[in-house]
Every structure is written in C-alpha cells, then in structure tokens.
Protein backbone atom coordinates (compact mmCIF):
# COMPACT_ATOMS: atom_id res chain seq x y z
CA MET A 1 102.39 49.68 74.25
CA ILE A 2 105.67 48.85 72.55
CA ARG A 3 107.87 45.75 72.29
CA LEU A 4 110.89 45.75 74.56
CA ASP A 5 113.36 45.13 71.72
CA LYS A 6 111.92 48.04 69.70
CA TYR A 7 112.04 50.30 72.76
CA LEU A 8 115.72 49.53 73.27
CA ALA A 9 116.59 49.91 69.58
CA ASP A 10 114.74 53.24 69.39
CA MET A 11 116.72 54.50 72.37
CA GLY A 12 120.03 53.63 70.73
CA VAL A 13 121.04 50.61 72.80
CA GLY A 14 121.76 48.75 69.57
CA THR A 15 120.21 47.11 66.55
CA ARG A 16 117.24 44.78 66.99
CA SER A 17 119.54 41.74 66.89
CA ALA A 18 122.03 43.36 69.29
CA VAL A 19 119.39 44.28 71.86
CA LYS A 20 117.95 40.78 71.73
CA ARG A 21 121.36 39.51 72.81
CA GLU A 22 121.45 42.09 75.60
CA ILE A 23 118.02 40.93 76.75
CA ALA A 24 118.99 37.24 76.58
CA GLN A 25 122.08 37.97 78.68
CA GLY A 26 119.94 39.48 81.47
CA LYS A 27 121.21 43.03 81.02
CA ILE A 28 117.73 44.57 80.89
CA THR A 29 115.31 45.16 83.74
CA VAL A 30 111.73 46.38 83.60
CA ASP A 31 110.41 47.83 86.85
CA GLY A 32 113.37 46.31 88.67
CA GLN A 33 112.92 42.78 87.32
CA VAL A 34 115.27 41.09 84.83
CA VAL A 35 113.38 40.40 81.60
CA LYS A 36 114.53 37.97 78.93
CA ARG A 37 111.62 38.20 76.50
CA PRO A 38 112.25 40.67 73.66
CA GLU A 39 108.58 40.53 72.64
CA LEU A 40 107.41 41.80 76.04
CA LYS A 41 104.97 44.70 75.59
CA LEU A 42 105.45 47.64 77.92
CA ASP A 43 104.18 51.15 78.52
CA PRO A 44 107.08 53.45 77.57
CA GLU A 45 105.65 56.29 79.66
CA GLY A 46 104.67 54.35 82.76
CA GLN A 47 107.30 51.63 83.19
CA GLN A 48 110.96 51.91 84.14
CA VAL A 49 113.46 50.26 81.80
CA CYS A 50 117.15 49.95 82.69
CA HIS A 51 120.14 48.79 80.66
CA LEU A 52 123.08 47.64 82.79
CA GLY A 53 121.55 49.50 85.69
CA THR A 54 121.13 52.80 83.81
CA ARG A 55 117.59 54.02 83.43
CA LEU A 56 116.44 54.79 79.90
CA ALA A 57 114.07 57.70 79.29
CA TYR A 58 111.88 56.98 76.28
CA LEU A 59 111.38 59.77 73.73
CA GLN A 60 108.82 59.22 71.01
CA PHE A 61 110.02 62.16 68.94
CA GLU A 62 113.08 64.39 68.80
CA TYR A 63 113.31 67.75 67.01
CA TYR A 64 116.58 69.54 66.31
CA MET A 65 117.36 72.76 64.47
CA LEU A 66 120.72 72.53 62.70
CA ASN A 67 122.69 75.35 61.13
CA LYS A 68 124.02 73.12 58.37
CA PRO A 69 127.59 73.75 57.25
CA ALA A 70 128.80 73.39 53.68
CA GLY A 71 130.54 70.11 52.93
CA VAL A 72 128.05 67.92 54.79
CA VAL A 73 125.38 65.89 52.99
CA SER A 74 121.69 65.86 53.92
CA ALA A 75 121.36 62.13 54.40
CA THR A 76 120.91 59.60 57.19
CA GLU A 77 124.07 57.74 56.22
CA ASP A 78 126.78 57.85 53.59
CA ARG A 79 129.80 55.62 53.18
CA ARG A 80 132.05 58.40 51.89
CA GLU A 81 130.66 61.70 53.17
CA LYS A 82 129.93 63.19 56.59
CA THR A 83 126.18 63.49 57.08
CA VAL A 84 124.04 65.99 58.97
CA LEU A 85 123.11 63.25 61.45
CA ASP A 86 126.79 62.83 62.34
CA LEU A 87 126.62 66.38 63.73
CA ILE A 88 123.75 65.64 66.17
CA GLU A 89 125.87 64.16 68.93
CA SER A 90 123.23 64.40 71.69
CA ARG A 91 120.52 62.50 69.82
CA LYS A 92 118.93 59.61 71.64
CA ARG A 93 116.93 57.99 68.88
CA LYS A 94 118.44 56.17 65.92
CA ASP A 95 115.64 56.89 63.43
CA LEU A 96 116.23 60.61 62.89
CA PHE A 97 116.30 62.08 59.38
CA PRO A 98 116.62 65.53 57.77
CA VAL A 99 113.34 67.13 56.70
CA GLY A 100 114.03 67.93 53.08
CA ARG A 101 117.47 68.34 51.62
CA LEU A 102 120.05 71.07 51.35
CA ASP A 103 122.76 70.66 48.75
CA LYS A 104 126.18 69.69 50.04
CA ASP A 105 127.51 73.22 49.50
CA THR A 106 124.42 74.96 50.95
CA GLU A 107 124.29 76.24 54.52
CA GLY A 108 121.51 77.15 56.92
CA LEU A 109 118.33 75.89 58.47
CA LEU A 110 117.72 72.16 58.51
CA LEU A 111 115.17 70.39 60.71
CA ILE A 112 116.23 66.97 62.02
CA THR A 113 113.52 64.74 63.49
CA ASN A 114 111.89 61.31 63.43
CA ASP A 115 108.37 62.74 63.16
CA GLY A 116 107.26 61.51 59.75
CA ALA A 117 103.84 63.17 59.90
CA LEU A 118 105.39 66.58 60.56
CA ALA A 119 107.90 66.08 57.76
CA HIS A 120 105.08 65.24 55.36
CA ARG A 121 103.18 68.41 56.28
CA LEU A 122 106.25 70.57 55.71
CA LEU A 123 107.30 68.89 52.45
CA SER A 124 103.94 68.13 50.80
CA PRO A 125 103.66 69.95 47.45
CA ARG A 126 100.03 70.70 48.32
CA LYS A 127 101.03 72.75 51.37
CA HIS A 128 103.26 75.23 49.47
CA VAL A 129 105.33 75.91 52.58
CA ASP A 130 107.49 79.03 52.19
CA LYS A 131 111.25 78.48 52.09
CA VAL A 132 113.40 81.59 52.35
CA TYR A 133 117.01 81.74 51.15
CA TYR A 134 119.81 84.28 51.21
CA ALA A 135 122.21 84.04 48.29
CA ILE A 136 125.20 85.73 46.69
CA ILE A 137 124.87 85.75 42.93
CA GLU A 138 127.52 86.05 40.24
CA GLY A 139 125.92 88.66 38.03
CA ILE A 140 123.79 91.76 38.41
CA VAL A 141 120.26 90.89 39.51
CA THR A 142 117.72 93.34 38.10
CA GLU A 143 114.03 94.15 38.23
CA THR A 144 113.68 92.02 35.09
CA ASP A 145 114.77 89.01 37.14
CA VAL A 146 112.33 89.96 39.91
CA GLN A 147 109.45 89.90 37.40
CA LEU A 148 110.70 86.67 35.81
CA PHE A 149 110.76 84.89 39.16
CA LYS A 150 107.33 86.27 39.99
CA LYS A 151 105.83 84.81 36.82
CA GLY A 152 107.59 81.46 37.14
CA VAL A 153 110.81 80.20 35.62
CA ASN A 154 111.29 77.39 33.11
CA ILE A 155 114.00 75.22 34.66
CA GLY A 156 113.45 72.20 32.45
CA GLY A 157 110.51 70.58 34.19
CA GLU A 158 107.03 69.87 32.92
CA GLN A 159 105.81 73.16 34.37
CA PRO A 160 107.52 76.46 35.23
CA THR A 161 108.27 77.05 38.88
CA ARG A 162 105.54 78.56 41.02
CA GLU A 163 105.56 82.29 41.70
CA ALA A 164 108.62 83.23 43.76
CA THR A 165 109.48 86.46 45.57
CA LEU A 166 112.93 87.79 44.70
CA GLU A 167 114.30 90.72 46.71
CA ILE A 168 117.48 92.52 45.71
CA LEU A 169 119.46 93.33 48.85
CA ALA A 170 122.63 94.77 47.33
CA VAL A 171 124.38 95.07 43.98
CA ASN A 172 128.12 95.58 43.43
CA ARG A 173 128.91 96.35 39.83
CA GLU A 174 132.66 96.38 40.48
CA THR A 175 132.65 92.73 41.59
CA ASN A 176 129.67 91.83 39.36
CA ARG A 177 127.88 90.30 42.31
CA SER A 178 124.46 90.68 43.91
CA GLU A 179 122.98 89.76 47.28
CA ILE A 180 119.38 88.58 47.26
CA GLN A 181 116.66 87.01 49.35
CA LEU A 182 114.38 84.51 47.64
CA THR A 183 111.12 82.97 48.84
CA ILE A 184 109.97 79.82 47.06
CA HIS A 185 107.07 77.48 47.74
CA GLU A 186 108.38 74.22 46.28
CA GLY A 187 111.24 71.83 46.85
CA ILE A 188 112.45 71.02 43.34
CA PHE A 189 115.93 69.54 43.05
CA HIS A 190 118.55 72.35 42.93
CA GLN A 191 115.66 74.78 42.41
CA VAL A 192 117.32 78.04 43.46
CA LYS A 193 120.45 77.33 41.46
CA ARG A 194 118.45 76.30 38.41
CA MET A 195 116.26 79.40 38.57
CA PHE A 196 119.28 81.68 38.47
CA GLN A 197 120.92 79.59 35.75
CA ALA A 198 117.78 80.17 33.70
CA ALA A 199 118.37 83.91 34.26
CA LEU A 200 121.98 83.46 33.04
CA LYS A 201 123.46 83.93 36.50
CA GLU A 202 125.18 81.70 39.03
CA VAL A 203 124.60 81.10 42.74
CA ILE A 204 127.98 81.18 44.48
CA TYR A 205 126.69 81.10 48.08
CA LEU A 206 123.35 79.84 49.38
CA LYS A 207 121.88 79.75 52.87
CA ARG A 208 118.36 78.76 53.98
CA LEU A 209 116.91 81.18 56.51
CA SER A 210 113.48 79.74 57.20
CA MET A 211 111.00 76.99 56.40
CA GLY A 212 107.38 77.80 57.10
CA SER A 213 107.18 79.31 60.59
CA LEU A 214 110.57 77.91 61.60
CA TYR A 215 113.41 80.45 61.42
CA LEU A 216 117.11 79.78 61.77
CA ASP A 217 118.42 80.79 65.18
CA GLU A 218 121.19 83.20 64.23
CA THR A 219 122.97 82.52 67.53
CA LEU A 220 123.78 79.04 66.24
CA GLY A 221 127.24 78.88 64.71
CA ILE A 222 127.89 76.94 61.52
CA GLY A 223 127.48 73.25 62.35
CA GLU A 224 125.78 73.93 65.70
CA TYR A 225 122.33 72.68 66.65
CA ARG A 226 119.75 72.77 69.42
CA GLU A 227 116.40 71.21 70.24
CA LEU A 228 113.32 73.09 69.11
CA THR A 229 111.54 75.13 71.75
CA ASP A 230 107.93 74.39 72.72
CA GLU A 231 106.90 77.62 71.00
CA GLU A 232 108.59 76.58 67.73
CA LEU A 233 107.01 73.14 67.91
CA ASN A 234 103.55 74.55 68.52
CA LYS A 235 103.89 76.76 65.45
CA ILE A 236 104.94 74.02 63.04
CA CYS A 237 102.92 71.08 64.41
C-alpha cells in the first residue's frame, strides 16, 4: 500500500505539495471516485488512479541503458550543466539516478534506475564488479604497463589499485598513441585516468563498454537510451 500523494509524485504528476493541491482541487480519482485525501492508502497494482481523466500506470522501478555522450554530467540535477537524466525523456518516475559516475568527458554505458538495492549490489566495493573500458592513450602502452596494472598501481590512495587486466589493442608509433581495453574491479574517482598518469601516459578518449553482466548495446547512438530487456534484468538482479 502507498499514500496517494506519494503515488502521484512518483509518477511525475508534481512535487508532494503540488499533487496535494491537485488532490484538493478534485483532479484525482481512484477507481472512478474523486478523492481529496492525500493520505489515502491504495494498492498501486490493483486500483485505478486517474489525473484529469488520464489513467496513471504505476511503475515501482525503471531501468534504462544510456550510451552517455561526452559533455553531460552524471548527476540527477545541475544548475549549470546538462545531466544524464535530462536525456531520458520517456521516464515516468522522478526518482531516477545514475548507477555510478562517468566523468563529464567519458562516453559509454551508464545504467539509470531508481532501484537502490540493485545499485548497491553493482557499486559495493565488496562485490568487485568488473567494469570494462576502451581507451585511446597518448603514449605507447607496453607489456611493462600490462604487468604494472596487473600488480596494482599507486594512484595516491592508501592502497594500490586492485589487479586490473590491460589489453593492448593497437599501437601507432607515428602518432604516439595506443588503443587499449581495461578491466577494473573498483570505482575509484578518475581511476582509469589516474592509473595511466601513474604510468606517465594520458587518456585522451574513454568509453565504458560493460559493467558486470550488462554490456553496452552498440546499436545505441551517442546520447541514445532504451529500457533494459528482461534478460538483462535477470542477469544483473
């Protein structure tokens, strides 16, 4: 059971104070009857709620895969910057948040949801969930770097990073650039960039490819999103 005002706020009708005004003005019906009590408890699955005659379908959780573009911040709101939530135009709930963060200039997989328990499982340091990145590096990445990343890199924290798997995809000595894939098991602030800085190199492009069992849908263009499939949900839940 859930309070009527919370139900309406969750479904994006307005803030708690705004929906209370809507209720007081007789704009809400429950099972065909006008209701003016915001504290009314109802069954979101079994009762029919309408706002101005339009039926509302209650969703407890929403899950979106976003191919995050550069230039957008991983936040729920920002007074100066466009956020990842601004891109999810079809969302119904107002309590969505990004699971983990990608730097403003980083692209790729970002999960958007309001499922706090799932987010905790994916982000908990105890779970060591794999995060896979593709990057273009300024500098020639070598087998020495592969071994360094495998042992753990001192990036200024209390402990070195956990073992990471660095794969060299391509090296161009003329441009002094390398393409790599990196698998890490932590979520330290700016971790990938700091690891390469410790190896005296610079990340000039970074894209997250996967997080645990969730892989970026490569058919999604930059800035595009879609809901997770049942199969994807079953794997990560």
